[in-house]
C-alpha atoms as a PDB file:
ATOM      1  CA  UNK A   1      61.264  41.747 125.354  1.00  0.00           C
ATOM      2  CA  UNK A   2      63.188  39.113 126.856  1.00  0.00           C
ATOM      3  CA  UNK A   3      62.742  37.210 130.117  1.00  0.00           C
ATOM      4  CA  UNK A   4      66.356  36.283 132.227  1.00  0.00           C
ATOM      5  CA  UNK A   5      66.318  34.542 135.837  1.00  0.00           C
ATOM      6  CA  UNK A   6      67.838  36.707 138.094  1.00  0.00           C
ATOM      7  CA  UNK A   7      68.886  36.510 141.849  1.00  0.00           C
ATOM      8  CA  UNK A   8      70.072  38.982 144.377  1.00  0.00           C
ATOM      9  CA  UNK A   9      73.113  38.290 146.913  1.00  0.00           C
ATOM     10  CA  UNK A  10      71.003  36.507 149.845  1.00  0.00           C
ATOM     11  CA  UNK A  11      69.617  34.163 147.153  1.00  0.00           C
ATOM     12  CA  UNK A  12      66.108  34.838 146.213  1.00  0.00           C
ATOM     13  CA  UNK A  13      65.476  34.324 142.680  1.00  0.00           C
ATOM     14  CA  UNK A  14      63.225  36.061 140.274  1.00  0.00           C
ATOM     15  CA  UNK A  15      62.561  37.005 136.586  1.00  0.00           C
ATOM     16  CA  UNK A  16      62.782  40.313 135.178  1.00  0.00           C
ATOM     17  CA  UNK A  17      61.487  41.197 131.885  1.00  0.00           C
ATOM     18  CA  UNK A  18      63.876  43.526 129.489  1.00  0.00           C
ATOM     19  CA  UNK A  19      64.578  44.956 125.819  1.00  0.00           C
ATOM     20  CA  UNK A  20      67.566  42.958 125.600  1.00  0.00           C
ATOM     21  CA  UNK A  21      70.656  41.928 127.424  1.00  0.00           C
ATOM     22  CA  UNK A  22      72.141  45.576 126.902  1.00  0.00           C
ATOM     23  CA  UNK A  23      68.799  46.810 128.951  1.00  0.00           C
ATOM     24  CA  UNK A  24      69.716  44.285 131.562  1.00  0.00           C
ATOM     25  CA  UNK A  25      73.445  44.985 132.019  1.00  0.00           C
ATOM     26  CA  UNK A  26      72.540  49.255 132.030  1.00  0.00           C
ATOM     27  CA  UNK A  27      69.670  48.529 134.686  1.00  0.00           C
ATOM     28  CA  UNK A  28      72.436  46.671 136.677  1.00  0.00           C
ATOM     29  CA  UNK A  29      75.364  49.290 136.253  1.00  0.00           C
ATOM     30  CA  UNK A  30      72.774  51.787 137.497  1.00  0.00           C
ATOM     31  CA  UNK A  31      71.689  50.073 140.530  1.00  0.00           C
ATOM     32  CA  UNK A  32      68.095  50.136 139.646  1.00  0.00           C
ATOM     33  CA  UNK A  33      67.118  46.015 139.741  1.00  0.00           C
ATOM     34  CA  UNK A  34      65.809  45.248 143.227  1.00  0.00           C
ATOM     35  CA  UNK A  35      64.856  41.988 144.658  1.00  0.00           C
ATOM     36  CA  UNK A  36      61.107  42.209 145.391  1.00  0.00           C
ATOM     37  CA  UNK A  37      61.768  40.064 148.345  1.00  0.00           C
ATOM     38  CA  UNK A  38      64.853  41.595 150.245  1.00  0.00           C
ATOM     39  CA  UNK A  39      64.929  44.808 148.238  1.00  0.00           C
ATOM     40  CA  UNK A  40      69.072  44.727 147.657  1.00  0.00           C
ATOM     41  CA  UNK A  41      70.324  45.889 144.456  1.00  0.00           C
ATOM     42  CA  UNK A  42      72.835  43.282 144.101  1.00  0.00           C
ATOM     43  CA  UNK A  43      71.560  41.476 141.609  1.00  0.00           C
ATOM     44  CA  UNK A  44      73.005  39.008 138.674  1.00  0.00           C
ATOM     45  CA  UNK A  45      71.324  36.810 136.211  1.00  0.00           C
ATOM     46  CA  UNK A  46      71.125  33.425 136.819  1.00  0.00           C
ATOM     47  CA  UNK A  47      71.829  30.756 133.936  1.00  0.00           C
ATOM     48  CA  UNK A  48      68.109  29.794 132.461  1.00  0.00           C
ATOM     49  CA  UNK A  49      67.442  26.299 131.538  1.00  0.00           C
ATOM     50  CA  UNK A  50      66.467  26.031 127.874  1.00  0.00           C
ATOM     51  CA  UNK A  51      64.182  24.096 126.012  1.00  0.00           C
ATOM     52  CA  UNK A  52      64.867  22.955 122.286  1.00  0.00           C
ATOM     53  CA  UNK A  53      61.513  21.902 121.033  1.00  0.00           C
ATOM     54  CA  UNK A  54      62.307  19.094 118.071  1.00  0.00           C
ATOM     55  CA  UNK A  55      59.826  16.965 115.976  1.00  0.00           C
ATOM     56  CA  UNK A  56      60.217  14.137 117.961  1.00  0.00           C
ATOM     57  CA  UNK A  57      60.694  13.160 121.524  1.00  0.00           C
ATOM     58  CA  UNK A  58      64.116  12.684 122.587  1.00  0.00           C
ATOM     59  CA  UNK A  59      65.151   8.950 122.657  1.00  0.00           C
ATOM     60  CA  UNK A  60      66.389   7.147 126.045  1.00  0.00           C
ATOM     61  CA  UNK A  61      69.976   7.670 124.927  1.00  0.00           C
ATOM     62  CA  UNK A  62      69.615  11.336 124.509  1.00  0.00           C
ATOM     63  CA  UNK A  63      67.600  11.564 127.725  1.00  0.00           C
ATOM     64  CA  UNK A  64      70.168   9.266 129.857  1.00  0.00           C
ATOM     65  CA  UNK A  65      73.148  11.860 128.485  1.00  0.00           C
ATOM     66  CA  UNK A  66      71.223  14.631 129.420  1.00  0.00           C
ATOM     67  CA  UNK A  67      70.748  13.607 132.888  1.00  0.00           C
ATOM     68  CA  UNK A  68      74.459  12.748 133.067  1.00  0.00           C
ATOM     69  CA  UNK A  69      75.511  15.929 132.025  1.00  0.00           C
ATOM     70  CA  UNK A  70      73.179  17.729 134.520  1.00  0.00           C
ATOM     71  CA  UNK A  71      74.620  15.131 137.367  1.00  0.00           C
ATOM     72  CA  UNK A  72      78.478  16.292 136.008  1.00  0.00           C
ATOM     73  CA  UNK A  73      77.599  19.911 136.245  1.00  0.00           C
ATOM     74  CA  UNK A  74      75.863  19.481 139.622  1.00  0.00           C
ATOM     75  CA  UNK A  75      78.805  17.555 141.156  1.00  0.00           C
ATOM     76  CA  UNK A  76      81.604  19.852 139.372  1.00  0.00           C
ATOM     77  CA  UNK A  77      79.056  23.080 141.134  1.00  0.00           C
ATOM     78  CA  UNK A  78      79.329  21.239 144.381  1.00  0.00           C
ATOM     79  CA  UNK A  79      83.253  20.526 144.555  1.00  0.00           C
ATOM     80  CA  UNK A  80      83.644  24.126 143.119  1.00  0.00           C
ATOM     81  CA  UNK A  81      81.648  25.307 145.905  1.00  0.00           C
ATOM     82  CA  UNK A  82      83.185  23.057 148.673  1.00  0.00           C
ATOM     83  CA  UNK A  83      86.754  24.368 147.397  1.00  0.00           C
ATOM     84  CA  UNK A  84      86.059  28.040 148.034  1.00  0.00           C
ATOM     85  CA  UNK A  85      84.692  27.543 151.398  1.00  0.00           C
ATOM     86  CA  UNK A  86      87.427  25.677 152.424  1.00  0.00           C
ATOM     87  CA  UNK A  87      90.128  27.815 150.919  1.00  0.00           C
ATOM     88  CA  UNK A  88      88.591  31.119 151.209  1.00  0.00           C
ATOM     89  CA  UNK A  89      87.909  33.199 154.485  1.00  0.00           C
ATOM     90  CA  UNK A  90      84.092  34.327 154.216  1.00  0.00           C
ATOM     91  CA  UNK A  91      84.260  38.454 155.147  1.00  0.00           C
ATOM     92  CA  UNK A  92      80.559  38.873 154.618  1.00  0.00           C
ATOM     93  CA  UNK A  93      79.903  42.450 153.584  1.00  0.00           C
ATOM     94  CA  UNK A  94      83.199  43.499 154.196  1.00  0.00           C
ATOM     95  CA  UNK A  95      84.482  41.995 151.087  1.00  0.00           C
ATOM     96  CA  UNK A  96      85.757  45.727 149.319  1.00  0.00           C
ATOM     97  CA  UNK A  97      86.794  46.796 152.520  1.00  0.00           C
ATOM     98  CA  UNK A  98      89.298  44.126 152.836  1.00  0.00           C
ATOM     99  CA  UNK A  99      89.859  43.676 149.073  1.00  0.00           C
ATOM    100  CA  UNK A 100      91.249  47.428 149.114  1.00  0.00           C
ATOM    101  CA  UNK A 101      93.076  47.190 152.139  1.00  0.00           C
ATOM    102  CA  UNK A 102      95.342  44.065 150.439  1.00  0.00           C
ATOM    103  CA  UNK A 103      95.473  45.672 147.136  1.00  0.00           C
ATOM    104  CA  UNK A 104      97.117  48.914 148.966  1.00  0.00           C
ATOM    105  CA  UNK A 105      99.588  46.620 151.241  1.00  0.00           C
ATOM    106  CA  UNK A 106      97.571  47.599 154.588  1.00  0.00           C
ATOM    107  CA  UNK A 107      96.850  44.008 155.442  1.00  0.00           C
ATOM    108  CA  UNK A 108      98.620  41.088 154.385  1.00  0.00           C
ATOM    109  CA  UNK A 109      96.925  38.904 151.287  1.00  0.00           C
ATOM    110  CA  UNK A 110      94.952  36.088 151.879  1.00  0.00           C
ATOM    111  CA  UNK A 111      91.970  34.427 150.051  1.00  0.00           C
ATOM    112  CA  UNK A 112      88.559  35.718 150.747  1.00  0.00           C
ATOM    113  CA  UNK A 113      85.422  35.585 149.364  1.00  0.00           C
ATOM    114  CA  UNK A 114      82.285  37.366 150.346  1.00  0.00           C
ATOM    115  CA  UNK A 115      79.309  39.841 148.762  1.00  0.00           C
ATOM    116  CA  UNK A 116      79.453  43.340 147.096  1.00  0.00           C
ATOM    117  CA  UNK A 117      77.145  45.855 145.709  1.00  0.00           C
ATOM    118  CA  UNK A 118      77.071  46.624 142.150  1.00  0.00           C
ATOM    119  CA  UNK A 119      78.891  50.127 143.259  1.00  0.00           C
ATOM    120  CA  UNK A 120      81.587  48.184 145.287  1.00  0.00           C
ATOM    121  CA  UNK A 121      81.905  46.059 142.648  1.00  0.00           C
ATOM    122  CA  UNK A 122      82.547  49.472 140.462  1.00  0.00           C
ATOM    123  CA  UNK A 123      85.174  50.765 142.814  1.00  0.00           C
ATOM    124  CA  UNK A 124      87.139  47.626 143.093  1.00  0.00           C
ATOM    125  CA  UNK A 125      87.264  47.787 139.112  1.00  0.00           C
ATOM    126  CA  UNK A 126      88.248  51.569 139.006  1.00  0.00           C
ATOM    127  CA  UNK A 127      91.347  50.631 141.786  1.00  0.00           C
ATOM    128  CA  UNK A 128      92.519  47.726 139.620  1.00  0.00           C
ATOM    129  CA  UNK A 129      91.403  44.795 142.735  1.00  0.00           C
ATOM    130  CA  UNK A 130      91.411  41.198 140.633  1.00  0.00           C
ATOM    131  CA  UNK A 131      88.253  39.578 141.740  1.00  0.00           C
ATOM    132  CA  UNK A 132      86.291  36.862 140.237  1.00  0.00           C
ATOM    133  CA  UNK A 133      82.389  36.448 140.961  1.00  0.00           C
ATOM    134  CA  UNK A 134      81.404  32.805 141.446  1.00  0.00           C
ATOM    135  CA  UNK A 135      77.721  32.109 142.118  1.00  0.00           C
ATOM    136  CA  UNK A 136      77.303  29.723 144.634  1.00  0.00           C
ATOM    137  CA  UNK A 137      74.231  27.417 145.330  1.00  0.00           C
ATOM    138  CA  UNK A 138      72.063  28.062 148.092  1.00  0.00           C
ATOM    139  CA  UNK A 139      72.383  26.443 151.179  1.00  0.00           C
ATOM    140  CA  UNK A 140      69.322  24.631 152.709  1.00  0.00           C
ATOM    141  CA  UNK A 141      68.411  26.152 156.309  1.00  0.00           C
ATOM    142  CA  UNK A 142      69.873  23.194 158.189  1.00  0.00           C
ATOM    143  CA  UNK A 143      73.093  23.214 156.241  1.00  0.00           C
ATOM    144  CA  UNK A 144      74.088  26.714 157.786  1.00  0.00           C
ATOM    145  CA  UNK A 145      77.209  26.961 159.771  1.00  0.00           C
END
């Protein structure tokens, strides 16, 4: 058994226990993974923190390097989020509908962002619509606009 950190499209995080990575992927494809808070089935795996046990405590230099790497990663993630928010129109749950319209020439192409369900992602893939999933950090309630 393996434990994966999961997150739904509404930002709720939780753990899931699986036989292996393939079991997680199969459950995602079947749409049987469900958020225990809001019950959505649009659930993705989050990166999990790892810990490596060594025979001695990490040196001050190693701790500082790790802290610096974490700060760089946090800064990079924030820059990506700002870029996406500034340059992509948020179409929310209409992402699939808007992407398909653009793909088939019904409307002009533009940069959009939004949310999809697992089934909608399958449709977009089948239709050949290019898309990239970028998990953005959840905003604090006061930061919502």
